[in-house]
């Protein structure tokens, strides 16, 4: 997937337009380099099973706590 920085709002938020449709809004502080409008990115998403499992366990624990309330 490819995306380009369409604009940077208030110096805090980068709005990227995705080739093929769509938009991503990402805080500028997430990047470890200086951004500018018109900058292109190759975007790749990788599943993170460890984080997913941890999140699911947390949700299940909260559900159990809610269901066990008197």
PDB file of N, CA and C in Angstrom:
ATOM      1  N   UNK A   1       0.849  -1.157   0.000  1.00  0.00           N
ATOM      2  CA  UNK A   1       0.000   0.000   0.000  1.00  0.00           C
ATOM      3  C   UNK A   1       0.900   1.226   0.000  1.00  0.00           C
ATOM      4  N   UNK A   2       0.465   2.236  -0.730  1.00  0.00           N
ATOM      5  CA  UNK A   2       1.211   3.496  -0.759  1.00  0.00           C
ATOM      6  C   UNK A   2       0.306   4.618  -0.275  1.00  0.00           C
ATOM      7  N   UNK A   3       0.930   5.597   0.367  1.00  0.00           N
ATOM      8  CA  UNK A   3       0.194   6.745   0.878  1.00  0.00           C
ATOM      9  C   UNK A   3       1.085   7.978   0.803  1.00  0.00           C
ATOM     10  N   UNK A   4       0.438   9.130   0.717  1.00  0.00           N
ATOM     11  CA  UNK A   4       1.160  10.391   0.640  1.00  0.00           C
ATOM     12  C   UNK A   4       0.606  11.340   1.699  1.00  0.00           C
ATOM     13  N   UNK A   5       1.496  12.147   2.279  1.00  0.00           N
ATOM     14  CA  UNK A   5       1.030  13.142   3.238  1.00  0.00           C
ATOM     15  C   UNK A   5       0.328  14.251   2.473  1.00  0.00           C
ATOM     16  N   UNK A   6      -0.974  14.333   2.695  1.00  0.00           N
ATOM     17  CA  UNK A   6      -1.791  15.362   2.072  1.00  0.00           C
ATOM     18  C   UNK A   6      -1.585  16.697   2.776  1.00  0.00           C
ATOM     19  N   UNK A   7      -1.584  16.626   4.102  1.00  0.00           N
ATOM     20  CA  UNK A   7      -1.409  17.853   4.884  1.00  0.00           C
ATOM     21  C   UNK A   7      -0.998  17.501   6.307  1.00  0.00           C
ATOM     22  N   UNK A   8      -0.460  18.502   6.981  1.00  0.00           N
ATOM     23  CA  UNK A   8      -0.129  18.378   8.394  1.00  0.00           C
ATOM     24  C   UNK A   8      -0.924  19.461   9.112  1.00  0.00           C
ATOM     25  N   UNK A   9      -1.763  19.032  10.038  1.00  0.00           N
ATOM     26  CA  UNK A   9      -2.660  19.965  10.721  1.00  0.00           C
ATOM     27  C   UNK A   9      -2.081  20.389  12.070  1.00  0.00           C
ATOM     28  N   UNK A  10      -1.960  21.682  12.263  1.00  0.00           N
ATOM     29  CA  UNK A  10      -1.465  22.277  13.512  1.00  0.00           C
ATOM     30  C   UNK A  10      -0.102  21.741  13.931  1.00  0.00           C
ATOM     31  N   UNK A  11       0.651  21.204  12.990  1.00  0.00           N
ATOM     32  CA  UNK A  11       1.964  20.655  13.308  1.00  0.00           C
ATOM     33  C   UNK A  11       1.913  19.402  14.161  1.00  0.00           C
ATOM     34  N   UNK A  12       0.702  18.883  14.391  1.00  0.00           N
ATOM     35  CA  UNK A  12       0.537  17.754  15.295  1.00  0.00           C
ATOM     36  C   UNK A  12       0.000  16.491  14.628  1.00  0.00           C
ATOM     37  N   UNK A  13      -0.736  16.645  13.540  1.00  0.00           N
ATOM     38  CA  UNK A  13      -1.404  15.508  12.921  1.00  0.00           C
ATOM     39  C   UNK A  13      -1.099  15.446  11.433  1.00  0.00           C
ATOM     40  N   UNK A  14      -0.640  14.282  10.976  1.00  0.00           N
ATOM     41  CA  UNK A  14      -0.390  14.061   9.551  1.00  0.00           C
ATOM     42  C   UNK A  14      -1.603  13.350   8.955  1.00  0.00           C
ATOM     43  N   UNK A  15      -2.129  13.906   7.871  1.00  0.00           N
ATOM     44  CA  UNK A  15      -3.249  13.289   7.170  1.00  0.00           C
ATOM     45  C   UNK A  15      -2.695  12.705   5.880  1.00  0.00           C
ATOM     46  N   UNK A  16      -2.736  11.377   5.793  1.00  0.00           N
ATOM     47  CA  UNK A  16      -2.207  10.680   4.624  1.00  0.00           C
ATOM     48  C   UNK A  16      -3.357  10.190   3.754  1.00  0.00           C
ATOM     49  N   UNK A  17      -3.215  10.384   2.450  1.00  0.00           N
ATOM     50  CA  UNK A  17      -4.172   9.849   1.496  1.00  0.00           C
ATOM     51  C   UNK A  17      -3.611   8.543   0.958  1.00  0.00           C
ATOM     52  N   UNK A  18      -4.432   7.497   1.021  1.00  0.00           N
ATOM     53  CA  UNK A  18      -4.016   6.169   0.589  1.00  0.00           C
ATOM     54  C   UNK A  18      -4.346   5.997  -0.893  1.00  0.00           C
ATOM     55  N   UNK A  19      -3.370   5.499  -1.660  1.00  0.00           N
ATOM     56  CA  UNK A  19      -3.603   5.221  -3.069  1.00  0.00           C
ATOM     57  C   UNK A  19      -4.676   4.141  -3.156  1.00  0.00           C
ATOM     58  N   UNK A  20      -5.694   4.376  -3.956  1.00  0.00           N
ATOM     59  CA  UNK A  20      -6.790   3.429  -4.081  1.00  0.00           C
ATOM     60  C   UNK A  20      -7.972   3.800  -3.206  1.00  0.00           C
ATOM     61  N   UNK A  21      -7.812   4.821  -2.393  1.00  0.00           N
ATOM     62  CA  UNK A  21      -8.909   5.298  -1.559  1.00  0.00           C
ATOM     63  C   UNK A  21      -8.638   5.147  -0.082  1.00  0.00           C
ATOM     64  N   UNK A  22      -9.092   6.100   0.658  1.00  0.00           N
ATOM     65  CA  UNK A  22      -8.951   6.059   2.109  1.00  0.00           C
ATOM     66  C   UNK A  22      -8.017   7.126   2.627  1.00  0.00           C
ATOM     67  N   UNK A  23      -7.999   7.217   3.926  1.00  0.00           N
ATOM     68  CA  UNK A  23      -7.216   8.247   4.586  1.00  0.00           C
ATOM     69  C   UNK A  23      -6.731   7.689   5.915  1.00  0.00           C
ATOM     70  N   UNK A  24      -5.557   8.091   6.320  1.00  0.00           N
ATOM     71  CA  UNK A  24      -5.023   7.736   7.637  1.00  0.00           C
ATOM     72  C   UNK A  24      -4.643   9.027   8.341  1.00  0.00           C
ATOM     73  N   UNK A  25      -4.987   9.103   9.607  1.00  0.00           N
ATOM     74  CA  UNK A  25      -4.653  10.265  10.416  1.00  0.00           C
ATOM     75  C   UNK A  25      -3.724   9.773  11.527  1.00  0.00           C
ATOM     76  N   UNK A  26      -2.500  10.281  11.524  1.00  0.00           N
ATOM     77  CA  UNK A  26      -1.475   9.777  12.434  1.00  0.00           C
ATOM     78  C   UNK A  26      -0.802  10.950  13.150  1.00  0.00           C
ATOM     79  N   UNK A  27      -0.643  10.867  14.474  1.00  0.00           N
ATOM     80  CA  UNK A  27       0.071  11.922  15.187  1.00  0.00           C
ATOM     81  C   UNK A  27       1.513  12.035  14.672  1.00  0.00           C
ATOM     82  N   UNK A  28       1.958  13.258  14.449  1.00  0.00           N
ATOM     83  CA  UNK A  28       3.310  13.516  13.950  1.00  0.00           C
ATOM     84  C   UNK A  28       4.357  12.921  14.883  1.00  0.00           C
ATOM     85  N   UNK A  29       4.074  12.916  16.188  1.00  0.00           N
ATOM     86  CA  UNK A  29       5.052  12.414  17.164  1.00  0.00           C
ATOM     87  C   UNK A  29       5.326  10.915  17.001  1.00  0.00           C
ATOM     88  N   UNK A  30       4.526  10.205  16.216  1.00  0.00           N
ATOM     89  CA  UNK A  30       4.753   8.777  15.974  1.00  0.00           C
ATOM     90  C   UNK A  30       5.924   8.533  15.024  1.00  0.00           C
ATOM     91  N   UNK A  31       6.325   9.562  14.309  1.00  0.00           N
ATOM     92  CA  UNK A  31       7.409   9.433  13.342  1.00  0.00           C
ATOM     93  C   UNK A  31       8.725   9.872  13.975  1.00  0.00           C
ATOM     94  N   UNK A  32       9.800   9.195  13.619  1.00  0.00           N
ATOM     95  CA  UNK A  32      11.119   9.522  14.171  1.00  0.00           C
ATOM     96  C   UNK A  32      11.929  10.382  13.219  1.00  0.00           C
ATOM     97  N   UNK A  33      11.258  11.006  12.268  1.00  0.00           N
ATOM     98  CA  UNK A  33      11.925  11.872  11.297  1.00  0.00           C
ATOM     99  C   UNK A  33      10.980  13.008  10.945  1.00  0.00           C
ATOM    100  N   UNK A  34      11.529  14.035  10.350  1.00  0.00           N
ATOM    101  CA  UNK A  34      10.751  15.222   9.993  1.00  0.00           C
ATOM    102  C   UNK A  34       9.843  14.914   8.803  1.00  0.00           C
ATOM    103  N   UNK A  35       8.600  15.346   8.899  1.00  0.00           N
ATOM    104  CA  UNK A  35       7.612  15.115   7.846  1.00  0.00           C
ATOM    105  C   UNK A  35       7.386  16.386   7.039  1.00  0.00           C
ATOM    106  N   UNK A  36       6.919  16.198   5.817  1.00  0.00           N
ATOM    107  CA  UNK A  36       6.499  17.339   5.008  1.00  0.00           C
ATOM    108  C   UNK A  36       5.398  16.893   4.056  1.00  0.00           C
ATOM    109  N   UNK A  37       4.581  17.846   3.647  1.00  0.00           N
ATOM    110  CA  UNK A  37       3.508  17.544   2.707  1.00  0.00           C
ATOM    111  C   UNK A  37       4.098  17.039   1.401  1.00  0.00           C
ATOM    112  N   UNK A  38       3.443  16.046   0.815  1.00  0.00           N
ATOM    113  CA  UNK A  38       3.923  15.472  -0.426  1.00  0.00           C
ATOM    114  C   UNK A  38       4.881  14.304  -0.221  1.00  0.00           C
ATOM    115  N   UNK A  39       5.208  13.983   1.032  1.00  0.00           N
ATOM    116  CA  UNK A  39       6.099  12.863   1.332  1.00  0.00           C
ATOM    117  C   UNK A  39       5.344  11.551   1.119  1.00  0.00           C
ATOM    118  N   UNK A  40       5.954  10.618   0.392  1.00  0.00           N
ATOM    119  CA  UNK A  40       5.341   9.335   0.082  1.00  0.00           C
ATOM    120  C   UNK A  40       5.839   8.243   1.018  1.00  0.00           C
ATOM    121  N   UNK A  41       4.965   7.258   1.274  1.00  0.00           N
ATOM    122  CA  UNK A  41       5.290   6.118   2.124  1.00  0.00           C
ATOM    123  C   UNK A  41       4.818   4.827   1.485  1.00  0.00           C
ATOM    124  N   UNK A  42       5.597   3.789   1.669  1.00  0.00           N
ATOM    125  CA  UNK A  42       5.139   2.427   1.427  1.00  0.00           C
ATOM    126  C   UNK A  42       4.667   1.940   2.784  1.00  0.00           C
ATOM    127  N   UNK A  43       3.410   1.557   2.874  1.00  0.00           N
ATOM    128  CA  UNK A  43       2.818   1.178   4.153  1.00  0.00           C
ATOM    129  C   UNK A  43       2.570  -0.323   4.163  1.00  0.00           C
ATOM    130  N   UNK A  44       3.017  -0.960   5.236  1.00  0.00           N
ATOM    131  CA  UNK A  44       2.809  -2.399   5.388  1.00  0.00           C
ATOM    132  C   UNK A  44       2.357  -2.655   6.823  1.00  0.00           C
ATOM    133  N   UNK A  45       1.297  -3.419   6.961  1.00  0.00           N
ATOM    134  CA  UNK A  45       0.792  -3.767   8.277  1.00  0.00           C
ATOM    135  C   UNK A  45       1.129  -5.226   8.562  1.00  0.00           C
ATOM    136  N   UNK A  46       1.646  -5.478   9.739  1.00  0.00           N
ATOM    137  CA  UNK A  46       1.978  -6.837  10.163  1.00  0.00           C
ATOM    138  C   UNK A  46       1.148  -7.182  11.394  1.00  0.00           C
ATOM    139  N   UNK A  47       0.529  -8.350  11.404  1.00  0.00           N
ATOM    140  CA  UNK A  47      -0.228  -8.748  12.588  1.00  0.00           C
ATOM    141  C   UNK A  47       0.701  -8.891  13.792  1.00  0.00           C
ATOM    142  N   UNK A  48       0.187  -8.523  14.952  1.00  0.00           N
ATOM    143  CA  UNK A  48       0.944  -8.654  16.191  1.00  0.00           C
ATOM    144  C   UNK A  48       0.129  -9.564  17.117  1.00  0.00           C
ATOM    145  N   UNK A  49       0.370 -10.861  17.004  1.00  0.00           N
ATOM    146  CA  UNK A  49      -0.402 -11.849  17.756  1.00  0.00           C
ATOM    147  C   UNK A  49      -0.213 -11.694  19.264  1.00  0.00           C
ATOM    148  N   UNK A  50       0.993 -11.329  19.687  1.00  0.00           N
ATOM    149  CA  UNK A  50       1.253 -11.169  21.112  1.00  0.00           C
ATOM    150  C   UNK A  50       0.384 -10.048  21.693  1.00  0.00           C
ATOM    151  N   UNK A  51       0.347  -8.906  21.022  1.00  0.00           N
ATOM    152  CA  UNK A  51      -0.471  -7.785  21.495  1.00  0.00           C
ATOM    153  C   UNK A  51      -1.956  -8.135  21.437  1.00  0.00           C
ATOM    154  N   UNK A  52      -2.354  -8.860  20.399  1.00  0.00           N
ATOM    155  CA  UNK A  52      -3.747  -9.264  20.256  1.00  0.00           C
ATOM    156  C   UNK A  52      -4.164 -10.187  21.410  1.00  0.00           C
ATOM    157  N   UNK A  53      -3.335 -11.152  21.734  1.00  0.00           N
ATOM    158  CA  UNK A  53      -3.632 -12.083  22.825  1.00  0.00           C
ATOM    159  C   UNK A  53      -3.716 -11.351  24.162  1.00  0.00           C
ATOM    160  N   UNK A  54      -2.791 -10.429  24.369  1.00  0.00           N
ATOM    161  CA  UNK A  54      -2.776  -9.657  25.613  1.00  0.00           C
ATOM    162  C   UNK A  54      -4.058  -8.825  25.742  1.00  0.00           C
ATOM    163  N   UNK A  55      -4.466  -8.203  24.664  1.00  0.00           N
ATOM    164  CA  UNK A  55      -5.678  -7.394  24.657  1.00  0.00           C
ATOM    165  C   UNK A  55      -6.913  -8.253  24.904  1.00  0.00           C
ATOM    166  N   UNK A  56      -6.989  -9.386  24.256  1.00  0.00           N
ATOM    167  CA  UNK A  56      -8.118 -10.292  24.426  1.00  0.00           C
ATOM    168  C   UNK A  56      -8.209 -10.788  25.867  1.00  0.00           C
ATOM    169  N   UNK A  57      -7.075 -11.117  26.468  1.00  0.00           N
ATOM    170  CA  UNK A  57      -7.060 -11.573  27.855  1.00  0.00           C
ATOM    171  C   UNK A  57      -7.565 -10.472  28.792  1.00  0.00           C
ATOM    172  N   UNK A  58      -7.169  -9.238  28.507  1.00  0.00           N
ATOM    173  CA  UNK A  58      -7.609  -8.102  29.334  1.00  0.00           C
ATOM    174  C   UNK A  58      -9.121  -7.925  29.232  1.00  0.00           C
ATOM    175  N   UNK A  59      -9.655  -8.022  28.021  1.00  0.00           N
ATOM    176  CA  UNK A  59     -11.096  -7.871  27.808  1.00  0.00           C
ATOM    177  C   UNK A  59     -11.856  -8.988  28.524  1.00  0.00           C
ATOM    178  N   UNK A  60     -11.372 -10.213  28.406  1.00  0.00           N
ATOM    179  CA  UNK A  60     -12.035 -11.347  29.072  1.00  0.00           C
ATOM    180  C   UNK A  60     -12.033 -11.160  30.587  1.00  0.00           C
ATOM    181  N   UNK A  61     -10.926 -10.672  31.130  1.00  0.00           N
ATOM    182  CA  UNK A  61     -10.841 -10.433  32.567  1.00  0.00           C
ATOM    183  C   UNK A  61     -11.854  -9.377  32.999  1.00  0.00           C
ATOM    184  N   UNK A  62     -11.957  -8.297  32.232  1.00  0.00           N
ATOM    185  CA  UNK A  62     -12.927  -7.248  32.555  1.00  0.00           C
ATOM    186  C   UNK A  62     -14.355  -7.773  32.458  1.00  0.00           C
ATOM    187  N   UNK A  63     -14.630  -8.609  31.460  1.00  0.00           N
ATOM    188  CA  UNK A  63     -15.967  -9.191  31.327  1.00  0.00           C
ATOM    189  C   UNK A  63     -16.295 -10.054  32.543  1.00  0.00           C
ATOM    190  N   UNK A  64     -15.343 -10.854  32.972  1.00  0.00           N
ATOM    191  CA  UNK A  64     -15.560 -11.708  34.133  1.00  0.00           C
ATOM    192  C   UNK A  64     -15.824 -10.880  35.385  1.00  0.00           C
ATOM    193  N   UNK A  65     -15.068  -9.787  35.536  1.00  0.00           N
ATOM    194  CA  UNK A  65     -15.272  -8.914  36.690  1.00  0.00           C
ATOM    195  C   UNK A  65     -16.660  -8.296  36.659  1.00  0.00           C
ATOM    196  N   UNK A  66     -17.124  -7.866  35.502  1.00  0.00           N
ATOM    197  CA  UNK A  66     -18.443  -7.260  35.390  1.00  0.00           C
ATOM    198  C   UNK A  66     -19.545  -8.289  35.645  1.00  0.00           C
ATOM    199  N   UNK A  67     -19.376  -9.481  35.122  1.00  0.00           N
ATOM    200  CA  UNK A  67     -20.397 -10.505  35.296  1.00  0.00           C
ATOM    201  C   UNK A  67     -20.467 -11.059  36.724  1.00  0.00           C
ATOM    202  N   UNK A  68     -19.386 -10.930  37.467  1.00  0.00           N
ATOM    203  CA  UNK A  68     -19.367 -11.455  38.834  1.00  0.00           C
ATOM    204  C   UNK A  68     -19.799 -10.406  39.858  1.00  0.00           C
ATOM    205  N   UNK A  69     -20.149  -9.231  39.417  1.00  0.00           N
ATOM    206  CA  UNK A  69     -20.626  -8.202  40.360  1.00  0.00           C
ATOM    207  C   UNK A  69     -21.987  -8.592  40.890  1.00  0.00           C
ATOM    208  N   UNK A  70     -22.210  -8.278  42.186  1.00  0.00           N
ATOM    209  CA  UNK A  70     -23.522  -8.611  42.800  1.00  0.00           C
ATOM    210  C   UNK A  70     -24.624  -7.705  42.294  1.00  0.00           C
TER     211      UNK A  70
END
